[in-house]
Amino acid sequence: MEEFLNLYHQKLWEIAYENLIRTFFHPHTIIFFVLFLIISSLICNVYFEKKCTLLFIVSYFSLFLLGGVAEFVNSYGKIMSPDSSYNQSFWLFPVEMSLQIEDEQPLSSVDGELKKEDVILFAEANPQYHDGLFSATAYFFSRGHIEGKLFLVALVGYEEKDGEWQSVDIRIAPGVEEKDLQKFSKVLHIKKDEAEGATGIISKLQKFYEKKLESEKNR
């Protein structure tokens, strides 16, 4: 579970800092800063007879670095706290194996033990983070929320009791690109209630599996 959380958190941090970058380096921001720089330089030259261009440029990048620190402080508890909603529920979606993994597509894992026939189903984890300090400004400029980079979950085993899954064995890939399918993790054994969000992951995978069986039955 810890390895799953680490990867999920990494994707959330990527969203937070992508918001920061889009805010400071969006074309509209750059244009506004250039206009501000021109006006400020003229004022400095006319009234103070000094060139302040370099000072303003350094100040801008200093604000960017300060924004990075502020984002870390703002987001740390929201992303890393066990009580955060981001650690209690995860966005998982089923993936049709036939659409995502072609017959000739090789799969591999860090321990070299992953076999395609061992995979029960695939699911995509879709990290989403909307509470960043610069989420609103990034949304204003891009007119859309920044989506996290997907990563792939391969269900390879499960244990059930009275029709309810008690644990699952999964492997995770760092992304959904072809190169990522060679980097599946070792088997991660997740038990119900062992950590925040574990029960939700197990429940979602069981629902995906039951829908897959029902779909195959109706064909």
C-alpha atoms as a PDB file:
ATOM      1  CA  MET A   1       0.000   0.000   0.000  1.00  0.00           C
ATOM      2  CA  GLU A   2       2.855   2.349   0.802  1.00  0.00           C
ATOM      3  CA  GLU A   3       4.312   2.050  -2.692  1.00  0.00           C
ATOM      4  CA  PHE A   4       0.901   2.754  -4.217  1.00  0.00           C
ATOM      5  CA  LEU A   5       0.504   5.834  -2.003  1.00  0.00           C
ATOM      6  CA  ASN A   6       3.991   7.077  -2.827  1.00  0.00           C
ATOM      7  CA  LEU A   7       3.265   6.965  -6.564  1.00  0.00           C
ATOM      8  CA  TYR A   8      -0.164   8.553  -6.079  1.00  0.00           C
ATOM      9  CA  HIS A   9       1.344  11.329  -3.962  1.00  0.00           C
ATOM     10  CA  GLN A  10       4.025  11.916  -6.579  1.00  0.00           C
ATOM     11  CA  LYS A  11       1.341  12.477  -9.210  1.00  0.00           C
ATOM     12  CA  LEU A  12      -0.495  14.916  -6.913  1.00  0.00           C
ATOM     13  CA  TRP A  13       2.689  16.905  -6.296  1.00  0.00           C
ATOM     14  CA  GLU A  14       3.232  17.041 -10.056  1.00  0.00           C
ATOM     15  CA  ILE A  15      -0.211  18.630 -10.460  1.00  0.00           C
ATOM     16  CA  ALA A  16       0.466  21.165  -7.685  1.00  0.00           C
ATOM     17  CA  TYR A  17       3.715  22.343  -9.232  1.00  0.00           C
ATOM     18  CA  GLU A  18       2.367  22.247 -12.774  1.00  0.00           C
ATOM     19  CA  ASN A  19      -0.211  24.775 -11.551  1.00  0.00           C
ATOM     20  CA  LEU A  20       2.628  26.926 -10.231  1.00  0.00           C
ATOM     21  CA  ILE A  21       4.554  26.743 -13.508  1.00  0.00           C
ATOM     22  CA  ARG A  22       1.492  27.499 -15.611  1.00  0.00           C
ATOM     23  CA  THR A  23       0.725  30.522 -13.453  1.00  0.00           C
ATOM     24  CA  PHE A  24       4.186  32.087 -13.638  1.00  0.00           C
ATOM     25  CA  PHE A  25       5.141  31.085 -17.168  1.00  0.00           C
ATOM     26  CA  HIS A  26       1.853  31.293 -19.016  1.00  0.00           C
ATOM     27  CA  PRO A  27       2.128  33.615 -22.073  1.00  0.00           C
ATOM     28  CA  HIS A  28      -0.369  36.054 -20.535  1.00  0.00           C
ATOM     29  CA  THR A  29       1.673  36.235 -17.338  1.00  0.00           C
ATOM     30  CA  ILE A  30       4.870  36.758 -19.304  1.00  0.00           C
ATOM     31  CA  ILE A  31       3.284  39.545 -21.379  1.00  0.00           C
ATOM     32  CA  PHE A  32       1.990  41.245 -18.230  1.00  0.00           C
ATOM     33  CA  PHE A  33       5.433  40.981 -16.622  1.00  0.00           C
ATOM     34  CA  VAL A  34       7.200  42.381 -19.718  1.00  0.00           C
ATOM     35  CA  LEU A  35       4.821  45.362 -19.758  1.00  0.00           C
ATOM     36  CA  PHE A  36       5.406  45.855 -16.047  1.00  0.00           C
ATOM     37  CA  LEU A  37       9.160  45.568 -16.630  1.00  0.00           C
ATOM     38  CA  ILE A  38       9.131  48.204 -19.393  1.00  0.00           C
ATOM     39  CA  ILE A  39       7.058  50.658 -17.370  1.00  0.00           C
ATOM     40  CA  SER A  40       9.114  50.089 -14.206  1.00  0.00           C
ATOM     41  CA  SER A  41      12.390  50.497 -16.100  1.00  0.00           C
ATOM     42  CA  LEU A  42      11.214  53.784 -17.586  1.00  0.00           C
ATOM     43  CA  ILE A  43      10.230  55.041 -14.144  1.00  0.00           C
ATOM     44  CA  CYS A  44      13.599  54.034 -12.703  1.00  0.00           C
ATOM     45  CA  ASN A  45      15.488  55.698 -15.565  1.00  0.00           C
ATOM     46  CA  VAL A  46      13.484  58.925 -15.434  1.00  0.00           C
ATOM     47  CA  TYR A  47      13.143  59.445 -11.691  1.00  0.00           C
ATOM     48  CA  PHE A  48      16.092  57.545 -10.218  1.00  0.00           C
ATOM     49  CA  GLU A  49      18.455  57.509 -13.204  1.00  0.00           C
ATOM     50  CA  LYS A  50      19.181  53.825 -12.547  1.00  0.00           C
ATOM     51  CA  LYS A  51      18.642  50.697 -14.561  1.00  0.00           C
ATOM     52  CA  CYS A  52      16.549  48.232 -12.577  1.00  0.00           C
ATOM     53  CA  THR A  53      15.836  45.643 -15.279  1.00  0.00           C
ATOM     54  CA  LEU A  54      18.030  42.954 -13.785  1.00  0.00           C
ATOM     55  CA  LEU A  55      16.605  43.602 -10.332  1.00  0.00           C
ATOM     56  CA  PHE A  56      13.038  43.105 -11.585  1.00  0.00           C
ATOM     57  CA  ILE A  57      13.938  39.893 -13.428  1.00  0.00           C
ATOM     58  CA  VAL A  58      15.659  38.496 -10.330  1.00  0.00           C
ATOM     59  CA  SER A  59      12.656  39.531  -8.234  1.00  0.00           C
ATOM     60  CA  TYR A  60      10.300  37.667 -10.569  1.00  0.00           C
ATOM     61  CA  PHE A  61      12.226  34.420 -10.306  1.00  0.00           C
ATOM     62  CA  SER A  62      12.520  34.950  -6.551  1.00  0.00           C
ATOM     63  CA  LEU A  63       8.720  35.188  -6.406  1.00  0.00           C
ATOM     64  CA  PHE A  64       8.521  31.953  -8.407  1.00  0.00           C
ATOM     65  CA  LEU A  65      10.791  30.175  -5.918  1.00  0.00           C
ATOM     66  CA  LEU A  66       8.844  31.651  -3.011  1.00  0.00           C
ATOM     67  CA  GLY A  67       5.655  30.384  -4.662  1.00  0.00           C
ATOM     68  CA  GLY A  68       7.175  26.900  -4.748  1.00  0.00           C
ATOM     69  CA  VAL A  69       7.852  27.033  -1.014  1.00  0.00           C
ATOM     70  CA  ALA A  70       4.365  28.387  -0.334  1.00  0.00           C
ATOM     71  CA  GLU A  71       2.835  25.593  -2.442  1.00  0.00           C
ATOM     72  CA  PHE A  72       4.760  22.983  -0.471  1.00  0.00           C
ATOM     73  CA  VAL A  73       3.512  24.410   2.833  1.00  0.00           C
ATOM     74  CA  ASN A  74      -0.049  24.686   1.517  1.00  0.00           C
ATOM     75  CA  SER A  75      -0.223  21.219  -0.033  1.00  0.00           C
ATOM     76  CA  TYR A  76       1.804  19.071   2.349  1.00  0.00           C
ATOM     77  CA  GLY A  77      -1.008  18.356   4.789  1.00  0.00           C
ATOM     78  CA  LYS A  78      -3.620  17.997   2.050  1.00  0.00           C
ATOM     79  CA  ILE A  79      -1.557  15.442   0.131  1.00  0.00           C
ATOM     80  CA  MET A  80       0.391  13.645   2.829  1.00  0.00           C
ATOM     81  CA  SER A  81      -1.951  13.601   5.826  1.00  0.00           C
ATOM     82  CA  PRO A  82      -3.624  10.191   6.388  1.00  0.00           C
ATOM     83  CA  ASP A  83      -6.829  12.080   7.237  1.00  0.00           C
ATOM     84  CA  SER A  84      -6.883  13.919   3.915  1.00  0.00           C
ATOM     85  CA  SER A  85      -9.641  13.036   1.479  1.00  0.00           C
ATOM     86  CA  TYR A  86      -6.906  12.421  -1.102  1.00  0.00           C
ATOM     87  CA  ASN A  87      -5.739   9.445   0.971  1.00  0.00           C
ATOM     88  CA  GLN A  88      -9.169   8.021   1.667  1.00  0.00           C
ATOM     89  CA  SER A  89     -10.519   7.614  -1.848  1.00  0.00           C
ATOM     90  CA  PHE A  90      -8.767   7.150  -5.153  1.00  0.00           C
ATOM     91  CA  TRP A  91      -9.894   7.661  -8.732  1.00  0.00           C
ATOM     92  CA  LEU A  92      -9.729   4.240 -10.380  1.00  0.00           C
ATOM     93  CA  PHE A  93     -11.233   3.285 -13.717  1.00  0.00           C
ATOM     94  CA  PRO A  94     -11.331  -0.113 -15.441  1.00  0.00           C
ATOM     95  CA  VAL A  95      -9.333  -0.580 -18.632  1.00  0.00           C
ATOM     96  CA  GLU A  96     -10.226  -3.019 -21.354  1.00  0.00           C
ATOM     97  CA  MET A  97      -7.188  -5.243 -21.695  1.00  0.00           C
ATOM     98  CA  SER A  98      -7.904  -5.822 -25.366  1.00  0.00           C
ATOM     99  CA  LEU A  99      -7.776  -2.070 -26.011  1.00  0.00           C
ATOM    100  CA  GLN A 100      -4.750  -1.209 -23.920  1.00  0.00           C
ATOM    101  CA  ILE A 101      -2.539  -4.293 -24.122  1.00  0.00           C
ATOM    102  CA  GLU A 102      -2.182  -5.830 -27.558  1.00  0.00           C
ATOM    103  CA  ASP A 103      -1.169  -9.473 -27.910  1.00  0.00           C
ATOM    104  CA  GLU A 104       2.296  -8.522 -29.077  1.00  0.00           C
ATOM    105  CA  GLN A 105       2.749  -5.909 -26.342  1.00  0.00           C
ATOM    106  CA  PRO A 106       5.410  -7.151 -23.917  1.00  0.00           C
ATOM    107  CA  LEU A 107       4.921  -6.680 -20.203  1.00  0.00           C
ATOM    108  CA  SER A 108       7.677  -6.739 -17.652  1.00  0.00           C
ATOM    109  CA  SER A 109       8.231  -6.018 -13.978  1.00  0.00           C
ATOM    110  CA  VAL A 110      11.130  -5.087 -11.756  1.00  0.00           C
ATOM    111  CA  ASP A 111      11.322  -8.664 -10.479  1.00  0.00           C
ATOM    112  CA  GLY A 112      10.840 -10.171 -13.936  1.00  0.00           C
ATOM    113  CA  GLU A 113       7.954 -12.363 -12.765  1.00  0.00           C
ATOM    114  CA  LEU A 114       4.965 -10.641 -14.365  1.00  0.00           C
ATOM    115  CA  LYS A 115       3.177 -12.736 -16.981  1.00  0.00           C
ATOM    116  CA  LYS A 116       0.325 -11.469 -19.094  1.00  0.00           C
ATOM    117  CA  GLU A 117      -1.811 -14.502 -18.334  1.00  0.00           C
ATOM    118  CA  ASP A 118      -1.552 -13.756 -14.606  1.00  0.00           C
ATOM    119  CA  VAL A 119      -3.265 -10.381 -14.987  1.00  0.00           C
ATOM    120  CA  ILE A 120      -6.934 -10.566 -13.993  1.00  0.00           C
ATOM    121  CA  LEU A 121      -7.728  -7.020 -15.051  1.00  0.00           C
ATOM    122  CA  PHE A 122      -6.175  -3.597 -15.524  1.00  0.00           C
ATOM    123  CA  ALA A 123      -7.325  -0.343 -13.961  1.00  0.00           C
ATOM    124  CA  GLU A 124      -6.164   3.223 -14.441  1.00  0.00           C
ATOM    125  CA  ALA A 125      -5.418   5.406 -11.444  1.00  0.00           C
ATOM    126  CA  ASN A 126      -6.319   8.984 -12.303  1.00  0.00           C
ATOM    127  CA  PRO A 127      -4.903  11.383  -9.677  1.00  0.00           C
ATOM    128  CA  GLN A 128      -6.749  14.693  -9.353  1.00  0.00           C
ATOM    129  CA  TYR A 129      -5.788  17.587  -7.108  1.00  0.00           C
ATOM    130  CA  HIS A 130      -7.818  20.804  -6.949  1.00  0.00           C
ATOM    131  CA  ASP A 131      -6.634  22.338  -3.661  1.00  0.00           C
ATOM    132  CA  GLY A 132      -3.282  23.725  -4.742  1.00  0.00           C
ATOM    133  CA  LEU A 133      -2.391  27.311  -3.945  1.00  0.00           C
ATOM    134  CA  PHE A 134      -2.216  28.143  -7.671  1.00  0.00           C
ATOM    135  CA  SER A 135      -5.072  25.927  -8.887  1.00  0.00           C
ATOM    136  CA  ALA A 136      -7.417  28.865  -9.422  1.00  0.00           C
ATOM    137  CA  THR A 137      -4.901  30.981 -11.341  1.00  0.00           C
ATOM    138  CA  ALA A 138      -3.816  28.035 -13.502  1.00  0.00           C
ATOM    139  CA  TYR A 139      -7.484  27.305 -14.222  1.00  0.00           C
ATOM    140  CA  PHE A 140      -8.062  30.983 -15.103  1.00  0.00           C
ATOM    141  CA  PHE A 141      -5.251  30.954 -17.652  1.00  0.00           C
ATOM    142  CA  SER A 142      -5.775  27.492 -19.153  1.00  0.00           C
ATOM    143  CA  ARG A 143      -9.580  27.333 -18.734  1.00  0.00           C
ATOM    144  CA  GLY A 144      -9.328  23.811 -17.385  1.00  0.00           C
ATOM    145  CA  HIS A 145      -8.093  21.867 -14.394  1.00  0.00           C
ATOM    146  CA  ILE A 146      -4.756  20.128 -14.758  1.00  0.00           C
ATOM    147  CA  GLU A 147      -5.211  16.367 -14.788  1.00  0.00           C
ATOM    148  CA  GLY A 148      -2.682  14.102 -13.149  1.00  0.00           C
ATOM    149  CA  LYS A 149      -0.659  11.644 -15.159  1.00  0.00           C
ATOM    150  CA  LEU A 150      -2.366   8.271 -15.223  1.00  0.00           C
ATOM    151  CA  PHE A 151      -0.679   5.144 -13.965  1.00  0.00           C
ATOM    152  CA  LEU A 152      -1.674   1.535 -14.451  1.00  0.00           C
ATOM    153  CA  VAL A 153      -2.792  -0.981 -11.834  1.00  0.00           C
ATOM    154  CA  ALA A 154      -2.681  -4.694 -12.699  1.00  0.00           C
ATOM    155  CA  LEU A 155      -4.756  -6.979 -10.492  1.00  0.00           C
ATOM    156  CA  VAL A 156      -3.003 -10.346 -10.234  1.00  0.00           C
ATOM    157  CA  GLY A 157      -4.739 -11.959  -7.268  1.00  0.00           C
ATOM    158  CA  TYR A 158      -7.371 -11.601  -4.560  1.00  0.00           C
ATOM    159  CA  GLU A 159      -8.749 -13.287  -1.447  1.00  0.00           C
ATOM    160  CA  GLU A 160     -12.426 -13.259  -0.625  1.00  0.00           C
ATOM    161  CA  LYS A 161     -14.700 -14.238   2.250  1.00  0.00           C
ATOM    162  CA  ASP A 162     -18.465 -14.523   2.000  1.00  0.00           C
ATOM    163  CA  GLY A 163     -18.428 -12.902  -1.402  1.00  0.00           C
ATOM    164  CA  GLU A 164     -16.387  -9.884  -0.266  1.00  0.00           C
ATOM    165  CA  TRP A 165     -12.771  -9.409  -1.196  1.00  0.00           C
ATOM    166  CA  GLN A 166     -10.527  -9.184   1.838  1.00  0.00           C
ATOM    167  CA  SER A 167      -7.261  -8.413   0.063  1.00  0.00           C
ATOM    168  CA  VAL A 168      -5.777  -7.961  -3.395  1.00  0.00           C
ATOM    169  CA  ASP A 169      -2.408  -8.482  -5.020  1.00  0.00           C
ATOM    170  CA  ILE A 170      -1.590  -5.749  -7.499  1.00  0.00           C
ATOM    171  CA  ARG A 171       1.317  -4.430  -9.503  1.00  0.00           C
ATOM    172  CA  ILE A 172       1.605  -0.800 -10.514  1.00  0.00           C
ATOM    173  CA  ALA A 173       3.304   0.817 -13.505  1.00  0.00           C
ATOM    174  CA  PRO A 174       4.496   4.449 -13.273  1.00  0.00           C
ATOM    175  CA  GLY A 175       2.424   5.472 -16.294  1.00  0.00           C
ATOM    176  CA  VAL A 176       0.343   4.227 -19.207  1.00  0.00           C
ATOM    177  CA  GLU A 177       2.884   4.738 -21.989  1.00  0.00           C
ATOM    178  CA  GLU A 178       4.450   1.761 -23.750  1.00  0.00           C
ATOM    179  CA  LYS A 179       7.755   2.249 -21.929  1.00  0.00           C
ATOM    180  CA  ASP A 180       5.948   2.157 -18.574  1.00  0.00           C
ATOM    181  CA  LEU A 181       4.582  -1.315 -19.239  1.00  0.00           C
ATOM    182  CA  GLN A 182       8.106  -2.626 -18.760  1.00  0.00           C
ATOM    183  CA  LYS A 183       8.326  -1.195 -15.242  1.00  0.00           C
ATOM    184  CA  PHE A 184       5.583  -2.865 -13.221  1.00  0.00           C
ATOM    185  CA  SER A 185       6.389  -3.055  -9.519  1.00  0.00           C
ATOM    186  CA  LYS A 186       6.726  -6.150  -7.413  1.00  0.00           C
ATOM    187  CA  VAL A 187       3.479  -7.608  -6.097  1.00  0.00           C
ATOM    188  CA  LEU A 188       1.819  -5.289  -3.587  1.00  0.00           C
ATOM    189  CA  HIS A 189      -0.426  -7.081  -1.092  1.00  0.00           C
ATOM    190  CA  ILE A 190      -3.214  -4.787   0.126  1.00  0.00           C
ATOM    191  CA  LYS A 191      -5.533  -5.842   2.955  1.00  0.00           C
ATOM    192  CA  LYS A 192      -8.830  -4.312   3.985  1.00  0.00           C
ATOM    193  CA  ASP A 193      -8.514  -1.579   6.589  1.00  0.00           C
ATOM    194  CA  GLU A 194      -4.709  -1.809   6.664  1.00  0.00           C
ATOM    195  CA  ALA A 195      -4.441   1.840   5.638  1.00  0.00           C
ATOM    196  CA  GLU A 196      -6.679   4.719   4.648  1.00  0.00           C
ATOM    197  CA  GLY A 197      -8.078   4.041   1.203  1.00  0.00           C
ATOM    198  CA  ALA A 198      -7.155   0.355   1.118  1.00  0.00           C
ATOM    199  CA  THR A 199     -10.757  -0.814   1.526  1.00  0.00           C
ATOM    200  CA  GLY A 200     -11.903   1.536  -1.240  1.00  0.00           C
ATOM    201  CA  ILE A 201      -9.273   0.219  -3.655  1.00  0.00           C
ATOM    202  CA  ILE A 202     -10.268  -3.389  -2.946  1.00  0.00           C
ATOM    203  CA  SER A 203     -13.972  -2.602  -3.310  1.00  0.00           C
ATOM    204  CA  LYS A 204     -13.494  -0.821  -6.641  1.00  0.00           C
ATOM    205  CA  LEU A 205     -11.356  -3.604  -8.081  1.00  0.00           C
ATOM    206  CA  GLN A 206     -13.959  -6.172  -7.047  1.00  0.00           C
ATOM    207  CA  LYS A 207     -16.700  -4.162  -8.787  1.00  0.00           C
ATOM    208  CA  PHE A 208     -14.576  -3.867 -11.924  1.00  0.00           C
ATOM    209  CA  TYR A 209     -13.979  -7.620 -11.877  1.00  0.00           C
ATOM    210  CA  GLU A 210     -17.665  -8.458 -11.398  1.00  0.00           C
ATOM    211  CA  LYS A 211     -18.610  -6.135 -14.267  1.00  0.00           C
ATOM    212  CA  LYS A 212     -15.992  -7.772 -16.434  1.00  0.00           C
ATOM    213  CA  LEU A 213     -17.414 -11.235 -15.687  1.00  0.00           C
ATOM    214  CA  GLU A 214     -20.949 -10.026 -16.382  1.00  0.00           C
ATOM    215  CA  SER A 215     -19.845  -8.463 -19.670  1.00  0.00           C
ATOM    216  CA  GLU A 216     -18.110 -11.659 -20.765  1.00  0.00           C
ATOM    217  CA  LYS A 217     -21.175 -13.676 -19.808  1.00  0.00           C
ATOM    218  CA  ASN A 218     -23.478 -11.510 -21.910  1.00  0.00           C
ATOM    219  CA  ARG A 219     -21.362 -11.753 -25.058  1.00  0.00           C
END
